[in-house]
N, C-alpha and C. Protein backbone atom coordinates (compact mmCIF):
# COMPACT_ATOMS: atom_id res chain seq x y z
N MET A 1 0.83 -1.20 0.00
CA MET A 1 0.00 0.00 0.00
C MET A 1 0.86 1.25 0.00
N ARG A 2 1.91 1.20 0.80
CA ARG A 2 2.78 2.36 0.91
C ARG A 2 3.51 2.61 -0.41
N SER A 3 3.92 1.58 -1.11
CA SER A 3 4.62 1.75 -2.38
C SER A 3 3.70 2.32 -3.44
N HIS A 4 2.41 1.98 -3.39
CA HIS A 4 1.45 2.56 -4.33
C HIS A 4 1.30 4.06 -4.10
N LEU A 5 1.31 4.48 -2.85
CA LEU A 5 1.19 5.90 -2.51
C LEU A 5 2.40 6.68 -3.00
N VAL A 6 3.59 6.10 -2.80
CA VAL A 6 4.82 6.74 -3.27
C VAL A 6 4.81 6.82 -4.78
N LEU A 7 4.39 5.75 -5.45
CA LEU A 7 4.35 5.73 -6.91
C LEU A 7 3.35 6.76 -7.44
N ALA A 8 2.19 6.89 -6.80
CA ALA A 8 1.17 7.85 -7.23
C ALA A 8 1.68 9.28 -7.06
N THR A 9 2.42 9.54 -5.99
CA THR A 9 2.98 10.86 -5.75
C THR A 9 4.01 11.20 -6.81
N LEU A 10 4.88 10.24 -7.15
CA LEU A 10 5.89 10.47 -8.18
C LEU A 10 5.26 10.72 -9.54
N VAL A 11 4.22 9.98 -9.87
CA VAL A 11 3.54 10.17 -11.16
C VAL A 11 2.90 11.56 -11.21
N SER A 12 2.25 11.99 -10.11
CA SER A 12 1.61 13.31 -10.13
C SER A 12 2.65 14.43 -10.22
N LEU A 13 3.80 14.26 -9.55
CA LEU A 13 4.86 15.26 -9.67
C LEU A 13 5.41 15.32 -11.08
N THR A 14 5.60 14.18 -11.69
CA THR A 14 6.12 14.14 -13.06
C THR A 14 5.16 14.81 -14.02
N LEU A 15 3.88 14.53 -13.86
CA LEU A 15 2.88 15.14 -14.74
C LEU A 15 2.81 16.65 -14.55
N SER A 16 2.91 17.12 -13.29
CA SER A 16 2.82 18.55 -13.05
C SER A 16 4.03 19.29 -13.61
N CYS A 17 5.18 18.61 -13.67
CA CYS A 17 6.38 19.25 -14.20
C CYS A 17 6.39 19.28 -15.72
N THR A 18 5.70 18.35 -16.36
CA THR A 18 5.73 18.30 -17.82
C THR A 18 4.55 18.99 -18.46
N ARG A 19 3.61 19.46 -17.69
CA ARG A 19 2.45 20.17 -18.26
C ARG A 19 2.88 21.49 -18.85
N GLU A 20 2.14 21.91 -19.83
CA GLU A 20 2.38 23.22 -20.42
C GLU A 20 1.94 24.29 -19.43
N PRO A 21 2.72 25.35 -19.23
CA PRO A 21 2.33 26.38 -18.26
C PRO A 21 1.01 27.03 -18.66
N GLU A 22 0.24 27.42 -17.63
CA GLU A 22 -1.04 28.06 -17.90
C GLU A 22 -0.81 29.43 -18.51
N ARG A 23 -1.65 29.76 -19.44
CA ARG A 23 -1.55 31.04 -20.11
C ARG A 23 -2.38 32.08 -19.35
N SER A 24 -1.92 33.30 -19.41
CA SER A 24 -2.66 34.39 -18.78
C SER A 24 -3.96 34.59 -19.53
N ARG A 25 -4.98 34.97 -18.83
CA ARG A 25 -6.27 35.22 -19.48
C ARG A 25 -6.31 36.57 -20.17
N ARG A 26 -5.31 37.41 -19.91
CA ARG A 26 -5.26 38.70 -20.60
C ARG A 26 -4.77 38.49 -22.01
N PRO A 27 -5.33 39.21 -22.95
CA PRO A 27 -4.83 39.09 -24.33
C PRO A 27 -3.43 39.68 -24.42
N ARG A 28 -2.62 39.08 -25.26
CA ARG A 28 -1.27 39.57 -25.43
C ARG A 28 -1.29 40.88 -26.20
N ARG A 29 -0.39 41.77 -25.84
CA ARG A 29 -0.27 43.05 -26.52
C ARG A 29 0.53 42.83 -27.80
N ALA A 30 0.00 43.32 -28.88
CA ALA A 30 0.67 43.17 -30.17
C ALA A 30 1.89 44.09 -30.22
N ALA A 31 2.95 43.60 -30.83
CA ALA A 31 4.15 44.41 -30.98
C ALA A 31 3.86 45.55 -31.95
N PRO A 32 4.41 46.74 -31.72
CA PRO A 32 4.15 47.85 -32.63
C PRO A 32 4.73 47.59 -34.01
N THR A 33 4.00 48.02 -35.00
CA THR A 33 4.49 47.87 -36.37
C THR A 33 5.34 49.06 -36.75
N ALA A 34 6.08 48.93 -37.84
CA ALA A 34 6.94 50.02 -38.30
C ALA A 34 6.09 51.24 -38.66
N ALA A 35 4.92 51.03 -39.25
CA ALA A 35 4.06 52.15 -39.62
C ALA A 35 3.56 52.89 -38.38
N ALA A 36 3.24 52.15 -37.32
CA ALA A 36 2.74 52.78 -36.10
C ALA A 36 3.82 53.60 -35.42
N THR A 37 5.06 53.10 -35.40
CA THR A 37 6.12 53.86 -34.75
C THR A 37 6.49 55.08 -35.57
N THR A 38 6.44 54.99 -36.89
CA THR A 38 6.72 56.16 -37.72
C THR A 38 5.65 57.21 -37.52
N ALA A 39 4.39 56.81 -37.46
CA ALA A 39 3.30 57.75 -37.26
C ALA A 39 3.40 58.42 -35.90
N ALA A 40 3.88 57.68 -34.92
CA ALA A 40 3.98 58.24 -33.58
C ALA A 40 5.12 59.24 -33.46
N THR A 41 6.15 59.13 -34.29
CA THR A 41 7.29 60.03 -34.17
C THR A 41 7.21 61.23 -35.08
N THR A 42 6.35 61.21 -36.08
CA THR A 42 6.23 62.37 -36.95
C THR A 42 5.07 63.23 -36.47
N THR A 43 5.14 64.51 -36.77
CA THR A 43 4.06 65.41 -36.35
C THR A 43 3.31 65.91 -37.57
N ASP A 44 2.05 66.17 -37.37
CA ASP A 44 1.20 66.69 -38.43
C ASP A 44 1.31 68.21 -38.44
N VAL A 45 1.76 68.77 -39.53
CA VAL A 45 1.93 70.21 -39.62
C VAL A 45 0.95 70.84 -40.61
N THR A 46 -0.15 70.17 -40.83
CA THR A 46 -1.13 70.73 -41.75
C THR A 46 -1.81 71.93 -41.10
N PRO A 47 -2.19 72.92 -41.90
CA PRO A 47 -2.84 74.10 -41.33
C PRO A 47 -4.13 73.71 -40.62
N GLY A 48 -4.35 74.34 -39.49
CA GLY A 48 -5.56 74.10 -38.73
C GLY A 48 -5.44 72.90 -37.78
N ALA A 49 -4.35 72.14 -37.88
CA ALA A 49 -4.19 70.99 -36.98
C ALA A 49 -3.78 71.49 -35.60
N THR A 50 -4.28 70.84 -34.59
CA THR A 50 -3.92 71.22 -33.23
C THR A 50 -2.89 70.24 -32.68
N THR A 51 -2.00 70.76 -31.87
CA THR A 51 -1.01 69.91 -31.24
C THR A 51 -1.47 69.60 -29.83
N PRO A 52 -1.10 68.44 -29.31
CA PRO A 52 -1.53 68.13 -27.95
C PRO A 52 -0.90 69.10 -26.95
N GLU A 53 -1.66 69.42 -25.91
CA GLU A 53 -1.16 70.36 -24.90
C GLU A 53 -0.16 69.66 -24.01
N ALA A 54 0.83 70.41 -23.57
CA ALA A 54 1.82 69.88 -22.65
C ALA A 54 1.16 69.68 -21.29
N PRO A 55 1.60 68.65 -20.56
CA PRO A 55 1.01 68.45 -19.24
C PRO A 55 1.29 69.64 -18.33
N VAL A 56 0.33 69.95 -17.50
CA VAL A 56 0.45 71.08 -16.58
C VAL A 56 1.24 70.60 -15.36
N ALA A 57 2.28 71.34 -15.00
CA ALA A 57 3.09 70.98 -13.85
C ALA A 57 2.31 71.24 -12.56
N ALA A 58 2.59 70.41 -11.56
CA ALA A 58 1.96 70.61 -10.26
C ALA A 58 2.45 71.91 -9.66
N PRO A 59 1.62 72.59 -8.90
CA PRO A 59 2.07 73.85 -8.28
C PRO A 59 3.24 73.58 -7.34
N ALA A 60 4.16 74.51 -7.31
CA ALA A 60 5.34 74.37 -6.47
C ALA A 60 4.94 74.47 -4.99
N VAL A 61 5.56 73.62 -4.19
CA VAL A 61 5.32 73.66 -2.75
C VAL A 61 6.14 74.81 -2.18
N PRO A 62 5.51 75.71 -1.42
CA PRO A 62 6.27 76.84 -0.89
C PRO A 62 7.37 76.36 0.05
N GLN A 63 8.50 77.07 0.03
CA GLN A 63 9.61 76.71 0.88
C GLN A 63 9.33 77.21 2.29
N ARG A 64 9.20 76.28 3.22
CA ARG A 64 8.89 76.61 4.61
C ARG A 64 9.99 76.04 5.49
N TRP A 65 10.22 76.70 6.61
CA TRP A 65 11.22 76.25 7.57
C TRP A 65 10.54 75.98 8.90
N THR A 66 11.19 75.19 9.73
CA THR A 66 10.66 74.85 11.05
C THR A 66 10.35 76.12 11.84
N GLY A 67 9.17 76.16 12.43
CA GLY A 67 8.77 77.29 13.26
C GLY A 67 8.32 78.51 12.49
N GLU A 68 8.11 78.38 11.19
CA GLU A 68 7.73 79.53 10.37
C GLU A 68 6.38 80.11 10.80
N ALA A 69 5.52 79.27 11.33
CA ALA A 69 4.21 79.75 11.76
C ALA A 69 4.30 80.60 13.03
N ASP A 70 5.37 80.41 13.79
CA ASP A 70 5.55 81.19 15.02
C ASP A 70 6.03 82.60 14.69
N ALA A 71 5.49 83.58 15.38
CA ALA A 71 5.93 84.96 15.19
C ALA A 71 7.39 85.07 15.63
N LEU A 72 8.16 85.84 14.89
CA LEU A 72 9.58 86.00 15.17
C LEU A 72 9.80 86.56 16.58
N GLU A 73 9.01 87.54 16.96
CA GLU A 73 9.16 88.16 18.28
C GLU A 73 8.89 87.17 19.40
N ALA A 74 7.83 86.38 19.27
CA ALA A 74 7.48 85.40 20.30
C ALA A 74 8.55 84.31 20.39
N ALA A 75 9.04 83.84 19.24
CA ALA A 75 10.08 82.80 19.24
C ALA A 75 11.36 83.33 19.89
N ALA A 76 11.73 84.58 19.59
CA ALA A 76 12.94 85.16 20.17
C ALA A 76 12.79 85.33 21.68
N GLN A 77 11.62 85.71 22.14
CA GLN A 77 11.39 85.90 23.57
C GLN A 77 11.42 84.58 24.33
N GLU A 78 10.83 83.53 23.77
CA GLU A 78 10.76 82.25 24.45
C GLU A 78 12.04 81.42 24.35
N ALA A 79 12.84 81.65 23.31
CA ALA A 79 14.03 80.82 23.10
C ALA A 79 15.05 81.00 24.21
N ARG A 80 15.65 79.90 24.60
CA ARG A 80 16.71 79.93 25.60
C ARG A 80 18.00 80.46 24.97
N ALA A 81 18.18 80.16 23.66
CA ALA A 81 19.38 80.61 22.94
C ALA A 81 19.02 80.89 21.50
N ILE A 82 19.69 81.89 20.92
CA ILE A 82 19.59 82.18 19.49
C ILE A 82 21.02 82.22 18.97
N VAL A 83 21.31 81.36 18.01
CA VAL A 83 22.69 81.26 17.51
C VAL A 83 22.71 81.19 15.99
N VAL A 84 23.87 81.54 15.44
CA VAL A 84 24.15 81.30 14.03
C VAL A 84 25.05 80.09 14.02
N ALA A 85 24.64 79.04 13.30
CA ALA A 85 25.40 77.79 13.32
C ALA A 85 25.39 77.12 11.96
N ARG A 86 26.45 76.35 11.70
CA ARG A 86 26.57 75.57 10.47
C ARG A 86 26.23 74.11 10.80
N LEU A 87 25.41 73.49 9.96
CA LEU A 87 25.05 72.09 10.16
C LEU A 87 26.19 71.21 9.68
N ASP A 88 26.78 70.43 10.61
CA ASP A 88 27.87 69.52 10.26
C ASP A 88 27.35 68.14 9.89
N ARG A 89 26.41 67.62 10.67
CA ARG A 89 25.89 66.27 10.43
C ARG A 89 24.40 66.25 10.71
N LEU A 90 23.65 65.77 9.73
CA LEU A 90 22.19 65.75 9.83
C LEU A 90 21.70 64.63 10.73
N GLY A 91 22.27 63.46 10.62
CA GLY A 91 21.78 62.31 11.38
C GLY A 91 20.59 61.68 10.68
N ALA A 92 20.20 60.51 11.15
CA ALA A 92 19.10 59.76 10.54
C ALA A 92 17.76 60.24 11.08
N PRO A 93 16.77 60.40 10.20
CA PRO A 93 15.45 60.80 10.68
C PRO A 93 14.72 59.61 11.29
N THR A 94 13.87 59.91 12.25
CA THR A 94 12.99 58.90 12.83
C THR A 94 11.57 59.46 12.79
N LEU A 95 10.59 58.60 12.97
CA LEU A 95 9.21 59.07 12.99
C LEU A 95 9.01 59.91 14.23
N GLY A 96 8.48 61.09 14.03
CA GLY A 96 8.19 61.97 15.14
C GLY A 96 6.71 61.91 15.46
N ALA A 97 6.19 62.98 15.98
CA ALA A 97 4.75 63.07 16.25
C ALA A 97 4.01 62.96 14.91
N ALA A 98 2.71 62.97 14.96
CA ALA A 98 1.91 62.82 13.74
C ALA A 98 2.39 63.75 12.64
N GLU A 99 2.63 63.19 11.48
CA GLU A 99 3.00 63.93 10.27
C GLU A 99 4.33 64.67 10.37
N THR A 100 5.25 64.20 11.22
CA THR A 100 6.57 64.83 11.34
C THR A 100 7.67 63.79 11.31
N SER A 101 8.87 64.24 11.00
CA SER A 101 10.09 63.44 11.13
C SER A 101 10.96 64.15 12.14
N ALA A 102 11.65 63.37 12.96
CA ALA A 102 12.51 63.95 13.99
C ALA A 102 13.97 63.61 13.69
N PHE A 103 14.81 64.60 13.78
CA PHE A 103 16.26 64.42 13.68
C PHE A 103 16.79 64.65 15.09
N ASN A 104 17.17 63.56 15.77
CA ASN A 104 17.49 63.65 17.19
C ASN A 104 18.96 63.91 17.50
N ALA A 105 19.83 63.81 16.54
CA ALA A 105 21.25 63.98 16.83
C ALA A 105 21.93 64.79 15.74
N MET A 106 21.47 66.00 15.52
CA MET A 106 22.08 66.89 14.53
C MET A 106 23.28 67.58 15.17
N THR A 107 24.41 67.55 14.47
CA THR A 107 25.61 68.20 15.00
C THR A 107 25.79 69.53 14.31
N TRP A 108 25.89 70.58 15.11
CA TRP A 108 26.03 71.95 14.62
C TRP A 108 27.31 72.57 15.19
N THR A 109 27.91 73.48 14.43
CA THR A 109 29.03 74.27 14.93
C THR A 109 28.56 75.72 15.02
N VAL A 110 28.52 76.24 16.24
CA VAL A 110 28.05 77.60 16.49
C VAL A 110 29.16 78.58 16.14
N SER A 111 28.84 79.53 15.27
CA SER A 111 29.82 80.55 14.90
C SER A 111 29.56 81.87 15.62
N ARG A 112 28.31 82.08 16.06
CA ARG A 112 27.96 83.34 16.72
C ARG A 112 26.76 83.12 17.62
N SER A 113 26.84 83.60 18.84
CA SER A 113 25.73 83.48 19.77
C SER A 113 25.08 84.84 19.94
N LEU A 114 23.80 84.94 19.60
CA LEU A 114 23.06 86.19 19.72
C LEU A 114 22.34 86.29 21.07
N LYS A 115 22.01 85.15 21.65
CA LYS A 115 21.35 85.09 22.94
C LYS A 115 21.69 83.74 23.57
N GLY A 116 21.97 83.71 24.85
CA GLY A 116 22.29 82.46 25.52
C GLY A 116 23.78 82.15 25.44
N ALA A 117 24.13 80.94 25.89
CA ALA A 117 25.55 80.59 26.03
C ALA A 117 25.96 79.36 25.22
N LEU A 118 25.29 79.07 24.11
CA LEU A 118 25.73 77.95 23.28
C LEU A 118 26.96 78.36 22.49
N GLU A 119 27.96 77.47 22.45
CA GLU A 119 29.16 77.75 21.65
C GLU A 119 29.82 76.45 21.28
N GLY A 120 30.66 76.53 20.24
CA GLY A 120 31.39 75.34 19.79
C GLY A 120 30.47 74.36 19.08
N GLU A 121 30.77 73.06 19.25
CA GLU A 121 29.97 72.02 18.62
C GLU A 121 28.86 71.58 19.57
N VAL A 122 27.63 71.58 19.06
CA VAL A 122 26.47 71.20 19.88
C VAL A 122 25.63 70.17 19.14
N THR A 123 24.92 69.34 19.90
CA THR A 123 24.00 68.36 19.34
C THR A 123 22.59 68.82 19.68
N LEU A 124 21.77 68.99 18.63
CA LEU A 124 20.41 69.51 18.81
C LEU A 124 19.40 68.60 18.14
N ARG A 125 18.13 68.73 18.53
CA ARG A 125 17.02 68.00 17.95
C ARG A 125 16.20 68.94 17.07
N LEU A 126 15.61 68.37 16.00
CA LEU A 126 14.74 69.15 15.11
C LEU A 126 13.59 68.28 14.65
N SER A 127 12.37 68.79 14.74
CA SER A 127 11.20 68.11 14.18
C SER A 127 10.78 68.87 12.93
N VAL A 128 10.53 68.12 11.86
CA VAL A 128 10.19 68.72 10.57
C VAL A 128 8.83 68.19 10.13
N GLN A 129 7.92 69.09 9.77
CA GLN A 129 6.59 68.73 9.28
C GLN A 129 6.74 68.05 7.92
N THR A 130 6.15 66.84 7.75
CA THR A 130 6.28 66.12 6.48
C THR A 130 4.97 65.98 5.72
N LEU A 131 3.85 66.18 6.36
CA LEU A 131 2.54 66.12 5.71
C LEU A 131 1.64 67.17 6.33
N PRO A 132 0.63 67.64 5.68
CA PRO A 132 0.29 67.52 4.26
C PRO A 132 1.25 68.33 3.40
N ALA A 133 1.17 68.14 2.10
CA ALA A 133 2.12 68.75 1.18
C ALA A 133 2.17 70.27 1.28
N THR A 134 1.07 70.89 1.64
CA THR A 134 1.04 72.36 1.73
C THR A 134 1.76 72.88 2.97
N ARG A 135 2.08 71.99 3.92
CA ARG A 135 2.74 72.42 5.16
C ARG A 135 4.12 71.79 5.35
N VAL A 136 4.65 71.15 4.32
CA VAL A 136 5.95 70.48 4.43
C VAL A 136 7.04 71.50 4.73
N GLU A 137 7.88 71.17 5.70
CA GLU A 137 9.00 72.05 6.07
C GLU A 137 10.29 71.48 5.49
N GLN A 138 11.19 72.39 5.12
CA GLN A 138 12.47 71.99 4.53
C GLN A 138 13.39 71.41 5.59
N VAL A 139 14.19 70.46 5.16
CA VAL A 139 15.23 69.89 6.03
C VAL A 139 16.50 70.68 5.76
N PRO A 140 17.17 71.16 6.81
CA PRO A 140 18.41 71.92 6.57
C PRO A 140 19.47 71.05 5.89
N ARG A 141 20.32 71.70 5.10
CA ARG A 141 21.36 70.99 4.35
C ARG A 141 22.70 71.08 5.08
N PRO A 142 23.44 69.98 5.14
CA PRO A 142 24.76 70.02 5.76
C PRO A 142 25.66 71.05 5.09
N ASN A 143 26.54 71.63 5.88
CA ASN A 143 27.52 72.64 5.46
C ASN A 143 26.90 73.98 5.11
N GLU A 144 25.64 74.20 5.45
CA GLU A 144 25.01 75.50 5.28
C GLU A 144 24.75 76.10 6.65
N SER A 145 24.67 77.42 6.70
CA SER A 145 24.54 78.14 7.96
C SER A 145 23.10 78.62 8.16
N TYR A 146 22.63 78.55 9.41
CA TYR A 146 21.26 78.91 9.75
C TYR A 146 21.24 79.70 11.05
N VAL A 147 20.15 80.45 11.25
CA VAL A 147 19.89 81.11 12.53
C VAL A 147 18.94 80.18 13.27
N LEU A 148 19.35 79.73 14.47
CA LEU A 148 18.58 78.76 15.23
C LEU A 148 18.03 79.38 16.51
N PHE A 149 16.77 79.12 16.78
CA PHE A 149 16.13 79.50 18.04
C PHE A 149 16.00 78.19 18.82
N VAL A 150 16.68 78.08 19.95
CA VAL A 150 16.79 76.80 20.64
C VAL A 150 16.11 76.85 22.01
N GLY A 151 15.34 75.79 22.31
CA GLY A 151 14.75 75.58 23.62
C GLY A 151 13.76 76.64 24.05
N GLY A 152 13.40 76.57 25.33
CA GLY A 152 12.46 77.53 25.90
C GLY A 152 11.04 77.02 25.89
N GLY A 153 10.25 77.56 26.76
CA GLY A 153 8.84 77.17 26.85
C GLY A 153 8.72 75.70 27.22
N SER A 154 7.85 74.99 26.55
CA SER A 154 7.64 73.57 26.85
C SER A 154 8.63 72.67 26.12
N LEU A 155 9.50 73.25 25.30
CA LEU A 155 10.47 72.45 24.54
C LEU A 155 11.68 72.12 25.40
N GLY A 156 12.35 71.04 25.04
CA GLY A 156 13.57 70.67 25.72
C GLY A 156 14.68 71.67 25.43
N ALA A 157 15.73 71.63 26.25
CA ALA A 157 16.83 72.59 26.12
C ALA A 157 17.58 72.45 24.81
N ASN A 158 17.53 71.27 24.18
CA ASN A 158 18.27 71.08 22.93
C ASN A 158 17.36 70.96 21.70
N GLN A 159 16.12 71.40 21.81
CA GLN A 159 15.16 71.34 20.70
C GLN A 159 15.16 72.66 19.92
N ILE A 160 15.29 72.57 18.60
CA ILE A 160 15.23 73.76 17.74
C ILE A 160 13.76 74.12 17.55
N ARG A 161 13.38 75.33 17.96
CA ARG A 161 11.98 75.75 17.85
C ARG A 161 11.71 76.53 16.57
N LYS A 162 12.73 77.20 16.05
CA LYS A 162 12.59 77.99 14.83
C LYS A 162 13.93 77.97 14.12
N LEU A 163 13.89 77.94 12.79
CA LEU A 163 15.10 77.88 11.99
C LEU A 163 14.93 78.79 10.78
N LEU A 164 15.94 79.62 10.53
CA LEU A 164 15.92 80.52 9.37
C LEU A 164 17.25 80.40 8.63
N PRO A 165 17.26 80.50 7.32
CA PRO A 165 18.55 80.54 6.62
C PRO A 165 19.35 81.75 7.09
N ASN A 166 20.66 81.61 7.17
CA ASN A 166 21.52 82.71 7.61
C ASN A 166 21.76 83.67 6.44
N THR A 167 20.89 84.67 6.34
CA THR A 167 21.02 85.71 5.31
C THR A 167 21.14 87.05 6.03
N PRO A 168 21.70 88.07 5.36
CA PRO A 168 21.78 89.39 5.99
C PRO A 168 20.39 89.92 6.39
N GLU A 169 19.38 89.63 5.59
CA GLU A 169 18.02 90.10 5.89
C GLU A 169 17.50 89.45 7.17
N ASN A 170 17.68 88.12 7.29
CA ASN A 170 17.20 87.42 8.49
C ASN A 170 17.96 87.86 9.73
N LEU A 171 19.27 88.06 9.60
CA LEU A 171 20.06 88.53 10.75
C LEU A 171 19.61 89.92 11.19
N ALA A 172 19.33 90.79 10.24
CA ALA A 172 18.87 92.14 10.57
C ALA A 172 17.52 92.10 11.30
N ARG A 173 16.68 91.15 11.00
CA ARG A 173 15.38 91.02 11.67
C ARG A 173 15.54 90.42 13.07
N VAL A 174 16.51 89.51 13.25
CA VAL A 174 16.65 88.78 14.51
C VAL A 174 17.50 89.52 15.54
N GLU A 175 18.58 90.15 15.12
CA GLU A 175 19.51 90.78 16.06
C GLU A 175 18.85 91.72 17.07
N PRO A 176 17.95 92.63 16.65
CA PRO A 176 17.32 93.51 17.64
C PRO A 176 16.46 92.75 18.66
N LEU A 177 15.91 91.60 18.26
CA LEU A 177 15.04 90.84 19.15
C LEU A 177 15.81 89.94 20.12
N ALA A 178 17.09 89.70 19.84
CA ALA A 178 17.87 88.76 20.63
C ALA A 178 18.44 89.40 21.89
N ARG A 179 18.26 90.66 22.08
CA ARG A 179 18.84 91.33 23.26
C ARG A 179 18.03 91.11 24.49
């Protein structure tokens, strides 16, 4: 009895291996002909003919930075420190609160302290809004300089609350508030 079972199993395996593979139920797509490819690459220039419209590009997402919604005066008043610093190392992002990414170990080199006592190389945290598309915040780029508003209020001492690119215009707006 056992040998019959083994023999039946071997026969069924052999048959399943030699069967023709099942065909897809979808009809096969015909290969393009030379006439079709020529027609697709030439354009009709007869008078009155219309050309297809180019696709409309999606609207550009506005460039936003962390803390942009906060008033500059309020952020400067609440911040424990305001510094000009260059981003040395971004670190790996992790999932933050809803719709955000958190960078927990960003290494910065402080070049100028406008308020507070941060100096030299510091490790700071940054949360960046990632959704919805209309509120996405930019991630700072390594080797670029920014004005950072750090800590204060309910935030931790090493949390960046507001970030601005280091431009003469931004410095002129922040310096009077940092006193």
